[in-house]
Each structure stands twice: as C-alpha cells, then as structure tokens.
Amino acid sequence: MHSFLYYYLIFINCVAFAAYGADKAFARLHSWRVPEIWLLLLAALGGSAGAFIAMQLFRHKTLHFKFIFGVPLIFFLQVAVISYFFYKG
C-alpha cells in the first residue's frame, strides 16, 4: 500500500509541476490558460509540493492570495495526514 502512495505522489506532483509550468508558458504567449481551479485541485489531490516548487521556480501565481497561502496550507495539511497514517500503524 505504501508503494502505491509513493508512486501516486510522485506522479501527481510531476503533473502539478508541469501544469504550473505550462500555465506560465501560456501566460507569456497570451494564449489559453489552465483554469486556477485546476491548479488548486492538482495541489489538493497531493501535488502541493510540485505546485509550490513550480510557483517558486517559474515565479508563477506568487501574487495571488489563494496561491500564496493556499498551496503551502494544503501541503502542510497533507504532510500531517500522511504522517498520521504512516506513524499510526
């Protein structure tokens, strides 16, 4: 069960990182954008670390309140939940 979780977290964080990077590239091109709800949803589904790293690396969504506080909050909540279940058993 733990190995599935590890692979899932690696996958979803890579997807979140790529989505934030793609959205930044689309923004520069004045093209179609990834909806903010999808970016936040990827973070909430376990991709918060990838989302946060992409925010810092690409300097993307760093002026939006819901991203500045939301993504780190989601990350810390996810770490707390994973830690609880990991150390519980």
C-alpha atoms as a PDB file:
ATOM      1  CA  MET A   1       0.000   0.000   0.000  1.00  0.00           C
ATOM      2  CA  HIS A   2       2.823   2.414   0.844  1.00  0.00           C
ATOM      3  CA  SER A   3       4.499   1.886  -2.527  1.00  0.00           C
ATOM      4  CA  PHE A   4       1.281   2.829  -4.357  1.00  0.00           C
ATOM      5  CA  LEU A   5       1.110   6.038  -2.327  1.00  0.00           C
ATOM      6  CA  TYR A   6       4.718   6.885  -3.165  1.00  0.00           C
ATOM      7  CA  TYR A   7       4.182   6.351  -6.889  1.00  0.00           C
ATOM      8  CA  TYR A   8       0.934   8.317  -6.788  1.00  0.00           C
ATOM      9  CA  LEU A   9       2.578  11.255  -5.008  1.00  0.00           C
ATOM     10  CA  ILE A  10       5.475  11.291  -7.466  1.00  0.00           C
ATOM     11  CA  PHE A  11       3.046  11.214 -10.386  1.00  0.00           C
ATOM     12  CA  ILE A  12       0.645  13.891  -9.124  1.00  0.00           C
ATOM     13  CA  ASN A  13       3.485  16.206  -8.141  1.00  0.00           C
ATOM     14  CA  CYS A  14       5.029  15.889 -11.599  1.00  0.00           C
ATOM     15  CA  VAL A  15       1.644  16.627 -13.171  1.00  0.00           C
ATOM     16  CA  ALA A  16       1.130  19.662 -10.918  1.00  0.00           C
ATOM     17  CA  PHE A  17       4.635  20.940 -11.658  1.00  0.00           C
ATOM     18  CA  ALA A  18       4.062  20.557 -15.395  1.00  0.00           C
ATOM     19  CA  ALA A  19       0.644  22.232 -15.226  1.00  0.00           C
ATOM     20  CA  TYR A  20       2.024  25.274 -13.411  1.00  0.00           C
ATOM     21  CA  GLY A  21       4.922  25.473 -15.875  1.00  0.00           C
ATOM     22  CA  ALA A  22       2.583  25.150 -18.855  1.00  0.00           C
ATOM     23  CA  ASP A  23       0.262  27.807 -17.467  1.00  0.00           C
ATOM     24  CA  LYS A  24       3.194  30.201 -17.101  1.00  0.00           C
ATOM     25  CA  ALA A  25       4.262  29.494 -20.689  1.00  0.00           C
ATOM     26  CA  PHE A  26       0.697  30.030 -21.916  1.00  0.00           C
ATOM     27  CA  ALA A  27       0.530  33.305 -19.971  1.00  0.00           C
ATOM     28  CA  ARG A  28       3.644  34.582 -21.713  1.00  0.00           C
ATOM     29  CA  LEU A  29       2.128  33.697 -25.080  1.00  0.00           C
ATOM     30  CA  HIS A  30      -1.204  35.333 -24.206  1.00  0.00           C
ATOM     31  CA  SER A  31      -2.790  32.002 -25.046  1.00  0.00           C
ATOM     32  CA  TRP A  32      -5.303  29.654 -23.430  1.00  0.00           C
ATOM     33  CA  ARG A  33      -4.668  29.272 -19.690  1.00  0.00           C
ATOM     34  CA  VAL A  34      -5.037  26.438 -17.227  1.00  0.00           C
ATOM     35  CA  PRO A  35      -8.005  27.397 -15.007  1.00  0.00           C
ATOM     36  CA  GLU A  36      -6.980  28.335 -11.466  1.00  0.00           C
ATOM     37  CA  ILE A  37      -9.398  25.783 -10.037  1.00  0.00           C
ATOM     38  CA  TRP A  38      -7.473  23.020 -11.839  1.00  0.00           C
ATOM     39  CA  LEU A  39      -4.155  24.276 -10.493  1.00  0.00           C
ATOM     40  CA  LEU A  40      -5.534  24.312  -6.956  1.00  0.00           C
ATOM     41  CA  LEU A  41      -7.218  20.939  -7.448  1.00  0.00           C
ATOM     42  CA  LEU A  42      -3.911  19.366  -8.505  1.00  0.00           C
ATOM     43  CA  ALA A  43      -2.360  20.717  -5.313  1.00  0.00           C
ATOM     44  CA  ALA A  44      -5.261  19.398  -3.227  1.00  0.00           C
ATOM     45  CA  LEU A  45      -5.023  15.950  -4.840  1.00  0.00           C
ATOM     46  CA  GLY A  46      -1.496  15.545  -3.497  1.00  0.00           C
ATOM     47  CA  GLY A  47       0.537  17.718  -5.842  1.00  0.00           C
ATOM     48  CA  SER A  48       1.131  20.579  -3.430  1.00  0.00           C
ATOM     49  CA  ALA A  49       4.904  20.092  -3.288  1.00  0.00           C
ATOM     50  CA  GLY A  50       5.199  20.130  -7.080  1.00  0.00           C
ATOM     51  CA  ALA A  51       2.875  23.126  -7.248  1.00  0.00           C
ATOM     52  CA  PHE A  52       4.874  25.066  -4.658  1.00  0.00           C
ATOM     53  CA  ILE A  53       8.210  24.299  -6.310  1.00  0.00           C
ATOM     54  CA  ALA A  54       6.816  25.342  -9.698  1.00  0.00           C
ATOM     55  CA  MET A  55       5.415  28.562  -8.209  1.00  0.00           C
ATOM     56  CA  GLN A  56       8.870  29.490  -6.956  1.00  0.00           C
ATOM     57  CA  LEU A  57      10.847  28.276  -9.967  1.00  0.00           C
ATOM     58  CA  PHE A  58       8.600  29.831 -12.611  1.00  0.00           C
ATOM     59  CA  ARG A  59       7.608  32.825 -10.440  1.00  0.00           C
ATOM     60  CA  HIS A  60       4.019  31.998 -11.233  1.00  0.00           C
ATOM     61  CA  LYS A  61       0.914  32.783  -9.165  1.00  0.00           C
ATOM     62  CA  THR A  62       3.138  34.323  -6.491  1.00  0.00           C
ATOM     63  CA  LEU A  63       0.962  37.438  -6.186  1.00  0.00           C
ATOM     64  CA  HIS A  64      -2.360  35.642  -5.780  1.00  0.00           C
ATOM     65  CA  PHE A  65      -3.519  35.301  -2.153  1.00  0.00           C
ATOM     66  CA  LYS A  66      -5.187  31.923  -2.666  1.00  0.00           C
ATOM     67  CA  PHE A  67      -1.954  30.507  -4.065  1.00  0.00           C
ATOM     68  CA  ILE A  68       0.467  32.241  -1.676  1.00  0.00           C
ATOM     69  CA  PHE A  69      -1.326  30.845   1.372  1.00  0.00           C
ATOM     70  CA  GLY A  70      -3.450  28.067  -0.101  1.00  0.00           C
ATOM     71  CA  VAL A  71      -0.769  25.864  -1.628  1.00  0.00           C
ATOM     72  CA  PRO A  72       1.513  25.855   1.463  1.00  0.00           C
ATOM     73  CA  LEU A  73      -1.521  25.265   3.703  1.00  0.00           C
ATOM     74  CA  ILE A  74      -2.590  22.317   1.563  1.00  0.00           C
ATOM     75  CA  PHE A  75       0.990  20.992   1.705  1.00  0.00           C
ATOM     76  CA  PHE A  76       1.180  21.132   5.498  1.00  0.00           C
ATOM     77  CA  LEU A  77      -2.234  19.504   5.864  1.00  0.00           C
ATOM     78  CA  GLN A  78      -1.194  16.718   3.513  1.00  0.00           C
ATOM     79  CA  VAL A  79       2.052  16.154   5.408  1.00  0.00           C
ATOM     80  CA  ALA A  80       0.092  15.991   8.675  1.00  0.00           C
ATOM     81  CA  VAL A  81      -2.408  13.457   7.300  1.00  0.00           C
ATOM     82  CA  ILE A  82       0.276  11.283   5.698  1.00  0.00           C
ATOM     83  CA  SER A  83       2.388  11.434   8.862  1.00  0.00           C
ATOM     84  CA  TYR A  84      -0.579  10.442  10.997  1.00  0.00           C
ATOM     85  CA  PHE A  85      -1.358   7.370   8.911  1.00  0.00           C
ATOM     86  CA  PHE A  86       2.292   6.444   8.434  1.00  0.00           C
ATOM     87  CA  TYR A  87       3.157   6.563  12.141  1.00  0.00           C
ATOM     88  CA  LYS A  88      -0.212   5.285  13.343  1.00  0.00           C
ATOM     89  CA  GLY A  89       0.323   1.746  12.217  1.00  0.00           C
END
